[in-house]
Amino acid sequence: MPSRAPIKLKVLNVIAAIAHRSKDSVQESQTLDGDLGLGGTVRAALAVPFTRIAREYPEGKRVTLLEARALKTVQEAIDLVHARANGVG
């Protein structure tokens, strides 16, 4: 089972790239829409890289467009990808 730490780094890198920010400036407490400017369509598109991260692990499952679109914070994104990487959901 993958731990949260390596998944967190990968998710932060994806979010930072999409939001055109440095990875060090993205914090777990930030909101995807308000703080980082990622609207619903962009959040839904995160399902692709998030699924790619989750499926790097043997138990990995996909992240759906609806799940990704519903994300509100960076922490929720990390938790979702961590759960899918561990086969939960």
N, C-alpha and C. Protein backbone atom coordinates (compact mmCIF):
# COMPACT_ATOMS: atom_id res chain seq x y z
N MET A 1 0.84 -1.19 0.00
CA MET A 1 0.00 0.00 0.00
C MET A 1 0.88 1.25 0.00
N PRO A 2 0.65 2.12 -0.95
CA PRO A 2 1.45 3.34 -0.99
C PRO A 2 1.09 4.30 0.14
N SER A 3 2.09 4.97 0.65
CA SER A 3 1.84 5.95 1.70
C SER A 3 1.38 7.27 1.06
N ARG A 4 0.92 8.17 1.89
CA ARG A 4 0.38 9.43 1.41
C ARG A 4 1.47 10.37 0.89
N ALA A 5 2.65 10.32 1.49
CA ALA A 5 3.70 11.29 1.18
C ALA A 5 4.11 11.32 -0.31
N PRO A 6 4.44 10.19 -0.93
CA PRO A 6 4.83 10.28 -2.35
C PRO A 6 3.67 10.68 -3.26
N ILE A 7 2.48 10.28 -2.90
CA ILE A 7 1.31 10.66 -3.70
C ILE A 7 1.06 12.15 -3.57
N LYS A 8 1.23 12.67 -2.36
CA LYS A 8 1.05 14.11 -2.13
C LYS A 8 1.97 14.91 -3.04
N LEU A 9 3.23 14.53 -3.12
CA LEU A 9 4.18 15.25 -3.97
C LEU A 9 3.76 15.25 -5.43
N LYS A 10 3.29 14.11 -5.90
CA LYS A 10 2.87 13.99 -7.30
C LYS A 10 1.62 14.83 -7.57
N VAL A 11 0.66 14.80 -6.65
CA VAL A 11 -0.57 15.58 -6.81
C VAL A 11 -0.25 17.07 -6.78
N LEU A 12 0.61 17.48 -5.85
CA LEU A 12 0.99 18.89 -5.78
C LEU A 12 1.68 19.34 -7.06
N ASN A 13 2.50 18.50 -7.64
CA ASN A 13 3.16 18.84 -8.90
C ASN A 13 2.15 19.05 -10.02
N VAL A 14 1.15 18.17 -10.10
CA VAL A 14 0.11 18.29 -11.13
C VAL A 14 -0.68 19.58 -10.94
N ILE A 15 -1.13 19.81 -9.72
CA ILE A 15 -1.94 21.01 -9.45
C ILE A 15 -1.13 22.27 -9.71
N ALA A 16 0.11 22.29 -9.28
CA ALA A 16 0.95 23.47 -9.50
C ALA A 16 1.13 23.74 -10.99
N ALA A 17 1.35 22.71 -11.77
CA ALA A 17 1.53 22.88 -13.21
C ALA A 17 0.27 23.43 -13.87
N ILE A 18 -0.88 22.88 -13.48
CA ILE A 18 -2.15 23.31 -14.08
C ILE A 18 -2.47 24.76 -13.66
N ALA A 19 -2.16 25.10 -12.41
CA ALA A 19 -2.47 26.44 -11.88
C ALA A 19 -1.38 27.46 -12.22
N HIS A 20 -0.33 27.02 -12.92
CA HIS A 20 0.80 27.89 -13.28
C HIS A 20 1.43 28.53 -12.04
N ARG A 21 1.69 27.67 -11.06
CA ARG A 21 2.33 28.10 -9.81
C ARG A 21 3.53 27.21 -9.56
N SER A 22 4.40 27.67 -8.67
CA SER A 22 5.50 26.80 -8.26
C SER A 22 4.94 25.76 -7.29
N LYS A 23 5.52 24.57 -7.29
CA LYS A 23 4.98 23.52 -6.43
C LYS A 23 5.09 23.87 -4.96
N ASP A 24 6.05 24.71 -4.61
CA ASP A 24 6.22 25.11 -3.21
C ASP A 24 5.14 26.09 -2.75
N SER A 25 4.47 26.74 -3.69
CA SER A 25 3.45 27.73 -3.32
C SER A 25 2.06 27.11 -3.15
N VAL A 26 1.90 25.84 -3.51
CA VAL A 26 0.60 25.17 -3.38
C VAL A 26 0.55 24.48 -2.02
N GLN A 27 -0.48 24.83 -1.24
CA GLN A 27 -0.64 24.28 0.11
C GLN A 27 -1.92 23.45 0.20
N GLU A 28 -1.93 22.47 1.10
CA GLU A 28 -3.09 21.59 1.24
C GLU A 28 -4.37 22.35 1.60
N SER A 29 -4.24 23.45 2.31
CA SER A 29 -5.43 24.18 2.78
C SER A 29 -6.06 25.04 1.69
N GLN A 30 -5.40 25.20 0.56
CA GLN A 30 -5.93 26.07 -0.49
C GLN A 30 -7.12 25.44 -1.21
N THR A 31 -8.03 26.31 -1.63
CA THR A 31 -9.15 25.83 -2.43
C THR A 31 -8.74 25.81 -3.89
N LEU A 32 -9.23 24.82 -4.61
CA LEU A 32 -8.88 24.69 -6.02
C LEU A 32 -9.50 25.80 -6.85
N ASP A 33 -10.72 26.16 -6.54
CA ASP A 33 -11.42 27.18 -7.33
C ASP A 33 -11.00 28.58 -6.91
N GLY A 34 -11.21 28.91 -5.65
CA GLY A 34 -10.96 30.27 -5.17
C GLY A 34 -9.49 30.66 -5.14
N ASP A 35 -8.67 29.87 -4.48
CA ASP A 35 -7.26 30.23 -4.31
C ASP A 35 -6.42 29.97 -5.55
N LEU A 36 -6.70 28.89 -6.26
CA LEU A 36 -5.86 28.50 -7.39
C LEU A 36 -6.49 28.76 -8.76
N GLY A 37 -7.76 29.15 -8.76
CA GLY A 37 -8.41 29.52 -10.01
C GLY A 37 -8.74 28.36 -10.94
N LEU A 38 -8.91 27.17 -10.38
CA LEU A 38 -9.24 26.00 -11.21
C LEU A 38 -10.76 25.79 -11.20
N GLY A 39 -11.40 26.16 -12.28
CA GLY A 39 -12.84 26.01 -12.39
C GLY A 39 -13.26 24.56 -12.56
N GLY A 40 -14.56 24.34 -12.66
CA GLY A 40 -15.11 22.99 -12.72
C GLY A 40 -14.59 22.15 -13.86
N THR A 41 -14.46 22.73 -15.04
CA THR A 41 -13.98 21.98 -16.20
C THR A 41 -12.52 21.57 -16.01
N VAL A 42 -11.72 22.47 -15.50
CA VAL A 42 -10.30 22.16 -15.27
C VAL A 42 -10.16 21.11 -14.18
N ARG A 43 -10.97 21.23 -13.12
CA ARG A 43 -10.93 20.22 -12.05
C ARG A 43 -11.32 18.85 -12.60
N ALA A 44 -12.32 18.80 -13.45
CA ALA A 44 -12.73 17.52 -14.05
C ALA A 44 -11.59 16.93 -14.87
N ALA A 45 -10.87 17.78 -15.57
CA ALA A 45 -9.74 17.31 -16.39
C ALA A 45 -8.61 16.73 -15.54
N LEU A 46 -8.57 17.07 -14.26
CA LEU A 46 -7.55 16.51 -13.37
C LEU A 46 -7.73 15.01 -13.18
N ALA A 47 -8.88 14.47 -13.56
CA ALA A 47 -9.12 13.03 -13.43
C ALA A 47 -8.08 12.23 -14.20
N VAL A 48 -7.62 12.73 -15.32
CA VAL A 48 -6.65 11.99 -16.15
C VAL A 48 -5.31 11.86 -15.45
N PRO A 49 -4.65 12.96 -15.05
CA PRO A 49 -3.37 12.78 -14.36
C PRO A 49 -3.52 12.12 -12.99
N PHE A 50 -4.63 12.36 -12.32
CA PHE A 50 -4.84 11.72 -11.01
C PHE A 50 -5.00 10.21 -11.17
N THR A 51 -5.69 9.77 -12.22
CA THR A 51 -5.81 8.34 -12.50
C THR A 51 -4.45 7.75 -12.82
N ARG A 52 -3.67 8.47 -13.59
CA ARG A 52 -2.32 8.01 -13.94
C ARG A 52 -1.47 7.79 -12.68
N ILE A 53 -1.56 8.71 -11.74
CA ILE A 53 -0.83 8.57 -10.48
C ILE A 53 -1.33 7.35 -9.71
N ALA A 54 -2.64 7.22 -9.57
CA ALA A 54 -3.22 6.11 -8.80
C ALA A 54 -2.86 4.76 -9.41
N ARG A 55 -2.83 4.69 -10.73
CA ARG A 55 -2.57 3.40 -11.39
C ARG A 55 -1.09 3.05 -11.47
N GLU A 56 -0.24 3.88 -10.92
CA GLU A 56 1.17 3.52 -10.79
C GLU A 56 1.35 2.40 -9.76
N TYR A 57 0.30 2.19 -8.96
CA TYR A 57 0.34 1.20 -7.89
C TYR A 57 -0.55 0.01 -8.25
N PRO A 58 -0.19 -1.19 -7.80
CA PRO A 58 -0.93 -2.40 -8.18
C PRO A 58 -2.43 -2.37 -7.89
N GLU A 59 -2.82 -1.75 -6.80
CA GLU A 59 -4.24 -1.70 -6.42
C GLU A 59 -4.96 -0.49 -7.01
N GLY A 60 -4.26 0.33 -7.77
CA GLY A 60 -4.80 1.60 -8.23
C GLY A 60 -6.08 1.51 -9.02
N LYS A 61 -6.97 2.45 -8.74
CA LYS A 61 -8.25 2.58 -9.45
C LYS A 61 -8.33 3.96 -10.06
N ARG A 62 -9.24 4.13 -11.00
CA ARG A 62 -9.36 5.41 -11.69
C ARG A 62 -10.11 6.45 -10.87
N VAL A 63 -9.83 7.69 -11.17
CA VAL A 63 -10.54 8.84 -10.61
C VAL A 63 -11.50 9.30 -11.70
N THR A 64 -12.78 9.38 -11.38
CA THR A 64 -13.76 9.77 -12.39
C THR A 64 -13.80 11.28 -12.58
N LEU A 65 -14.38 11.70 -13.70
CA LEU A 65 -14.54 13.12 -13.97
C LEU A 65 -15.39 13.80 -12.90
N LEU A 66 -16.46 13.13 -12.47
CA LEU A 66 -17.33 13.71 -11.45
C LEU A 66 -16.62 13.85 -10.11
N GLU A 67 -15.82 12.86 -9.75
CA GLU A 67 -15.07 12.93 -8.49
C GLU A 67 -14.08 14.10 -8.52
N ALA A 68 -13.37 14.22 -9.64
CA ALA A 68 -12.38 15.29 -9.76
C ALA A 68 -13.06 16.66 -9.76
N ARG A 69 -14.17 16.77 -10.46
CA ARG A 69 -14.88 18.05 -10.53
C ARG A 69 -15.41 18.47 -9.15
N ALA A 70 -15.76 17.52 -8.31
CA ALA A 70 -16.33 17.82 -6.99
C ALA A 70 -15.28 18.23 -5.96
N LEU A 71 -14.02 18.10 -6.27
CA LEU A 71 -12.96 18.45 -5.32
C LEU A 71 -13.00 19.94 -5.01
N LYS A 72 -12.84 20.25 -3.74
CA LYS A 72 -12.86 21.65 -3.31
C LYS A 72 -11.47 22.15 -2.88
N THR A 73 -10.69 21.30 -2.23
CA THR A 73 -9.39 21.72 -1.71
C THR A 73 -8.27 20.82 -2.23
N VAL A 74 -7.07 21.30 -2.07
CA VAL A 74 -5.89 20.51 -2.44
C VAL A 74 -5.84 19.26 -1.57
N GLN A 75 -6.18 19.40 -0.29
CA GLN A 75 -6.17 18.24 0.61
C GLN A 75 -7.14 17.17 0.14
N GLU A 76 -8.33 17.56 -0.29
CA GLU A 76 -9.30 16.58 -0.81
C GLU A 76 -8.73 15.86 -2.03
N ALA A 77 -8.02 16.58 -2.88
CA ALA A 77 -7.42 15.97 -4.08
C ALA A 77 -6.38 14.93 -3.68
N ILE A 78 -5.53 15.27 -2.75
CA ILE A 78 -4.50 14.34 -2.29
C ILE A 78 -5.15 13.11 -1.67
N ASP A 79 -6.14 13.33 -0.82
CA ASP A 79 -6.82 12.21 -0.16
C ASP A 79 -7.52 11.30 -1.16
N LEU A 80 -8.13 11.87 -2.18
CA LEU A 80 -8.81 11.07 -3.19
C LEU A 80 -7.82 10.20 -3.97
N VAL A 81 -6.74 10.80 -4.42
CA VAL A 81 -5.75 10.03 -5.19
C VAL A 81 -5.11 8.96 -4.31
N HIS A 82 -4.85 9.29 -3.06
CA HIS A 82 -4.29 8.31 -2.12
C HIS A 82 -5.25 7.13 -1.95
N ALA A 83 -6.53 7.41 -1.78
CA ALA A 83 -7.52 6.34 -1.64
C ALA A 83 -7.57 5.47 -2.88
N ARG A 84 -7.60 6.10 -4.07
CA ARG A 84 -7.67 5.32 -5.31
C ARG A 84 -6.39 4.50 -5.53
N ALA A 85 -5.25 5.03 -5.15
CA ALA A 85 -3.99 4.30 -5.29
C ALA A 85 -3.97 3.06 -4.40
N ASN A 86 -4.73 3.13 -3.31
CA ASN A 86 -4.82 1.99 -2.38
C ASN A 86 -6.02 1.10 -2.68
N GLY A 87 -6.69 1.36 -3.80
CA GLY A 87 -7.80 0.51 -4.22
C GLY A 87 -9.11 0.78 -3.52
N VAL A 88 -9.21 1.91 -2.85
CA VAL A 88 -10.44 2.28 -2.13
C VAL A 88 -11.33 3.10 -3.05
N GLY A 89 -12.60 2.73 -3.09
CA GLY A 89 -13.55 3.52 -3.86
C GLY A 89 -14.00 2.93 -5.13
